[in-house]
Amino acid sequence: MGYGVEKQKPLPVVYEGIKLEAGYRIDLLVEDKIIIEVKSVDSILDIHKAQILTYMKLADKKLGLLINFNVQNLKSGIKRFIL
């Protein structure tokens, strides 16, 4: 018994009526509610924040976590986003 988690979930993009099936891929989608993007970078940049916000808008999800594993204290590597 655990959480429902989808890995590398395709996120289609529709542009002018044309559907691109795998326009983006969500790293983890938990319980069809929470988007989790995983990074291992020196620091979280604005482009990383824009990425998760875009995924959240396209997938119509209200909660997202951006997790950077390249930190000494994992707690400091987690950023929460709410739409």
N, C-alpha and C. Protein backbone atom coordinates (compact mmCIF):
# COMPACT_ATOMS: atom_id res chain seq x y z
N MET A 1 0.86 -1.17 0.00
CA MET A 1 0.00 0.00 0.00
C MET A 1 0.90 1.23 0.00
N GLY A 2 0.73 2.06 -0.97
CA GLY A 2 1.56 3.26 -1.06
C GLY A 2 0.90 4.29 -1.96
N TYR A 3 1.68 5.26 -2.34
CA TYR A 3 1.19 6.32 -3.20
C TYR A 3 1.28 5.90 -4.65
N GLY A 4 0.34 6.39 -5.45
CA GLY A 4 0.40 6.18 -6.89
C GLY A 4 1.38 7.17 -7.50
N VAL A 5 2.44 6.66 -8.13
CA VAL A 5 3.48 7.52 -8.70
C VAL A 5 3.71 7.12 -10.15
N GLU A 6 3.65 8.12 -11.03
CA GLU A 6 3.98 7.90 -12.43
C GLU A 6 5.32 8.56 -12.71
N LYS A 7 6.22 7.83 -13.38
CA LYS A 7 7.55 8.36 -13.70
C LYS A 7 7.58 8.77 -15.17
N GLN A 8 8.29 9.85 -15.46
CA GLN A 8 8.45 10.34 -16.83
C GLN A 8 7.11 10.42 -17.56
N LYS A 9 6.15 11.03 -16.89
CA LYS A 9 4.78 11.17 -17.40
C LYS A 9 4.77 12.13 -18.59
N PRO A 10 4.36 11.65 -19.77
CA PRO A 10 4.28 12.56 -20.93
C PRO A 10 3.24 13.65 -20.69
N LEU A 11 3.57 14.85 -21.10
CA LEU A 11 2.66 15.98 -20.96
C LEU A 11 2.47 16.58 -22.35
N PRO A 12 1.37 16.22 -23.00
CA PRO A 12 1.17 16.71 -24.37
C PRO A 12 0.97 18.22 -24.41
N VAL A 13 1.36 18.79 -25.53
CA VAL A 13 1.20 20.22 -25.76
C VAL A 13 0.29 20.38 -26.98
N VAL A 14 -0.71 21.25 -26.87
CA VAL A 14 -1.60 21.52 -27.99
C VAL A 14 -1.34 22.95 -28.46
N TYR A 15 -1.03 23.07 -29.75
CA TYR A 15 -0.76 24.38 -30.34
C TYR A 15 -1.52 24.48 -31.64
N GLU A 16 -2.41 25.46 -31.72
CA GLU A 16 -3.25 25.69 -32.90
C GLU A 16 -3.92 24.40 -33.36
N GLY A 17 -4.46 23.65 -32.39
CA GLY A 17 -5.20 22.44 -32.70
C GLY A 17 -4.33 21.22 -32.97
N ILE A 18 -3.02 21.37 -32.95
CA ILE A 18 -2.12 20.25 -33.19
C ILE A 18 -1.61 19.75 -31.84
N LYS A 19 -1.81 18.46 -31.59
CA LYS A 19 -1.39 17.88 -30.32
C LYS A 19 -0.04 17.19 -30.48
N LEU A 20 0.94 17.66 -29.70
CA LEU A 20 2.26 17.02 -29.66
C LEU A 20 2.27 16.12 -28.43
N GLU A 21 2.26 14.81 -28.66
CA GLU A 21 2.08 13.85 -27.56
C GLU A 21 3.12 13.97 -26.45
N ALA A 22 4.38 14.06 -26.78
CA ALA A 22 5.41 14.10 -25.75
C ALA A 22 6.16 15.42 -25.81
N GLY A 23 5.41 16.51 -25.71
CA GLY A 23 6.04 17.81 -25.72
C GLY A 23 6.95 17.99 -24.52
N TYR A 24 6.49 17.52 -23.36
CA TYR A 24 7.26 17.59 -22.13
C TYR A 24 7.10 16.28 -21.38
N ARG A 25 7.96 16.08 -20.39
CA ARG A 25 7.84 14.90 -19.51
C ARG A 25 8.00 15.36 -18.06
N ILE A 26 7.03 15.00 -17.26
CA ILE A 26 7.07 15.30 -15.83
C ILE A 26 7.90 14.21 -15.16
N ASP A 27 8.89 14.58 -14.34
CA ASP A 27 9.73 13.58 -13.69
C ASP A 27 8.88 12.61 -12.86
N LEU A 28 8.10 13.15 -11.93
CA LEU A 28 7.22 12.33 -11.09
C LEU A 28 5.87 13.03 -10.93
N LEU A 29 4.81 12.25 -11.04
CA LEU A 29 3.46 12.75 -10.76
C LEU A 29 2.88 11.86 -9.67
N VAL A 30 2.63 12.44 -8.50
CA VAL A 30 2.19 11.69 -7.33
C VAL A 30 0.69 11.85 -7.15
N GLU A 31 -0.01 10.70 -7.12
CA GLU A 31 -1.46 10.67 -6.89
C GLU A 31 -2.22 11.59 -7.86
N ASP A 32 -1.68 11.80 -9.04
CA ASP A 32 -2.28 12.65 -10.07
C ASP A 32 -2.56 14.06 -9.54
N LYS A 33 -1.76 14.50 -8.54
CA LYS A 33 -1.98 15.81 -7.92
C LYS A 33 -0.71 16.64 -7.80
N ILE A 34 0.42 16.01 -7.52
CA ILE A 34 1.65 16.74 -7.21
C ILE A 34 2.72 16.45 -8.25
N ILE A 35 3.23 17.51 -8.87
CA ILE A 35 4.31 17.38 -9.83
C ILE A 35 5.63 17.54 -9.08
N ILE A 36 6.53 16.61 -9.30
CA ILE A 36 7.86 16.70 -8.69
C ILE A 36 8.90 16.71 -9.80
N GLU A 37 9.70 17.75 -9.82
CA GLU A 37 10.81 17.85 -10.76
C GLU A 37 12.10 17.69 -9.98
N VAL A 38 12.96 16.81 -10.45
CA VAL A 38 14.19 16.45 -9.76
C VAL A 38 15.37 17.06 -10.50
N LYS A 39 16.26 17.70 -9.75
CA LYS A 39 17.47 18.31 -10.31
C LYS A 39 18.67 17.92 -9.47
N SER A 40 19.84 18.06 -10.07
CA SER A 40 21.09 17.94 -9.34
C SER A 40 22.02 19.01 -9.93
N VAL A 41 21.83 20.23 -9.46
CA VAL A 41 22.53 21.39 -10.01
C VAL A 41 23.15 22.21 -8.89
N ASP A 42 24.10 23.07 -9.25
CA ASP A 42 24.76 23.91 -8.23
C ASP A 42 23.75 24.82 -7.53
N SER A 43 22.82 25.37 -8.29
CA SER A 43 21.77 26.20 -7.69
C SER A 43 20.55 26.20 -8.61
N ILE A 44 19.40 26.39 -8.00
CA ILE A 44 18.16 26.46 -8.76
C ILE A 44 18.12 27.81 -9.47
N LEU A 45 17.91 27.77 -10.77
CA LEU A 45 17.85 28.98 -11.59
C LEU A 45 16.41 29.30 -11.94
N ASP A 46 16.20 30.51 -12.47
CA ASP A 46 14.86 30.91 -12.88
C ASP A 46 14.29 29.98 -13.94
N ILE A 47 15.14 29.42 -14.81
CA ILE A 47 14.66 28.51 -15.85
C ILE A 47 14.07 27.24 -15.26
N HIS A 48 14.63 26.78 -14.13
CA HIS A 48 14.10 25.60 -13.45
C HIS A 48 12.73 25.91 -12.85
N LYS A 49 12.60 27.10 -12.28
CA LYS A 49 11.32 27.52 -11.72
C LYS A 49 10.28 27.67 -12.81
N ALA A 50 10.68 28.24 -13.93
CA ALA A 50 9.76 28.41 -15.07
C ALA A 50 9.32 27.05 -15.60
N GLN A 51 10.22 26.08 -15.60
CA GLN A 51 9.89 24.74 -16.09
C GLN A 51 8.77 24.12 -15.26
N ILE A 52 8.91 24.12 -13.95
CA ILE A 52 7.88 23.47 -13.12
C ILE A 52 6.57 24.24 -13.17
N LEU A 53 6.64 25.56 -13.22
CA LEU A 53 5.40 26.36 -13.33
C LEU A 53 4.69 26.08 -14.65
N THR A 54 5.44 25.92 -15.72
CA THR A 54 4.85 25.58 -17.02
C THR A 54 4.18 24.21 -16.96
N TYR A 55 4.87 23.24 -16.39
CA TYR A 55 4.29 21.91 -16.26
C TYR A 55 3.00 21.95 -15.44
N MET A 56 3.02 22.70 -14.36
CA MET A 56 1.83 22.79 -13.50
C MET A 56 0.66 23.40 -14.25
N LYS A 57 0.92 24.45 -15.02
CA LYS A 57 -0.16 25.10 -15.79
C LYS A 57 -0.70 24.18 -16.87
N LEU A 58 0.20 23.54 -17.62
CA LEU A 58 -0.23 22.66 -18.71
C LEU A 58 -0.98 21.44 -18.20
N ALA A 59 -0.56 20.91 -17.05
CA ALA A 59 -1.19 19.71 -16.48
C ALA A 59 -2.37 20.05 -15.57
N ASP A 60 -2.60 21.35 -15.35
CA ASP A 60 -3.66 21.82 -14.46
C ASP A 60 -3.53 21.22 -13.05
N LYS A 61 -2.32 21.31 -12.51
CA LYS A 61 -2.04 20.85 -11.15
C LYS A 61 -1.70 22.06 -10.29
N LYS A 62 -2.13 22.03 -9.06
CA LYS A 62 -1.97 23.18 -8.17
C LYS A 62 -0.70 23.16 -7.32
N LEU A 63 -0.09 21.99 -7.17
CA LEU A 63 1.06 21.85 -6.28
C LEU A 63 2.24 21.20 -7.01
N GLY A 64 3.42 21.80 -6.82
CA GLY A 64 4.63 21.25 -7.42
C GLY A 64 5.80 21.38 -6.46
N LEU A 65 6.71 20.42 -6.55
CA LEU A 65 7.94 20.45 -5.76
C LEU A 65 9.12 20.38 -6.72
N LEU A 66 10.06 21.27 -6.51
CA LEU A 66 11.31 21.27 -7.25
C LEU A 66 12.38 20.85 -6.25
N ILE A 67 12.99 19.68 -6.50
CA ILE A 67 13.94 19.13 -5.54
C ILE A 67 15.33 19.08 -6.16
N ASN A 68 16.27 19.78 -5.51
CA ASN A 68 17.66 19.76 -5.95
C ASN A 68 18.45 18.87 -4.99
N PHE A 69 19.01 17.79 -5.52
CA PHE A 69 19.75 16.84 -4.69
C PHE A 69 21.21 17.24 -4.51
N ASN A 70 21.65 18.28 -5.18
CA ASN A 70 23.06 18.71 -5.08
C ASN A 70 23.23 19.75 -3.97
N VAL A 71 22.79 19.40 -2.77
CA VAL A 71 22.91 20.27 -1.60
C VAL A 71 23.35 19.42 -0.40
N GLN A 72 23.93 20.07 0.60
CA GLN A 72 24.35 19.33 1.79
C GLN A 72 23.16 18.90 2.63
N ASN A 73 22.18 19.79 2.75
CA ASN A 73 20.99 19.50 3.54
C ASN A 73 19.81 19.45 2.59
N LEU A 74 19.22 18.26 2.38
CA LEU A 74 18.16 18.10 1.40
C LEU A 74 16.99 19.06 1.63
N LYS A 75 16.70 19.35 2.87
CA LYS A 75 15.60 20.25 3.19
C LYS A 75 15.78 21.61 2.50
N SER A 76 17.00 22.07 2.40
CA SER A 76 17.26 23.36 1.74
C SER A 76 17.17 23.27 0.23
N GLY A 77 17.11 22.06 -0.31
CA GLY A 77 17.01 21.88 -1.76
C GLY A 77 15.60 21.70 -2.27
N ILE A 78 14.61 21.82 -1.38
CA ILE A 78 13.21 21.62 -1.79
C ILE A 78 12.50 22.98 -1.87
N LYS A 79 11.91 23.24 -3.03
CA LYS A 79 11.12 24.45 -3.24
C LYS A 79 9.70 24.04 -3.60
N ARG A 80 8.72 24.66 -2.93
CA ARG A 80 7.32 24.35 -3.17
C ARG A 80 6.68 25.44 -4.01
N PHE A 81 5.85 25.03 -4.95
CA PHE A 81 5.14 25.96 -5.82
C PHE A 81 3.65 25.67 -5.75
N ILE A 82 2.86 26.73 -5.61
CA ILE A 82 1.40 26.61 -5.54
C ILE A 82 0.79 27.56 -6.55
N LEU A 83 -0.14 27.04 -7.35
CA LEU A 83 -0.88 27.89 -8.29
C LEU A 83 -2.28 28.13 -7.80
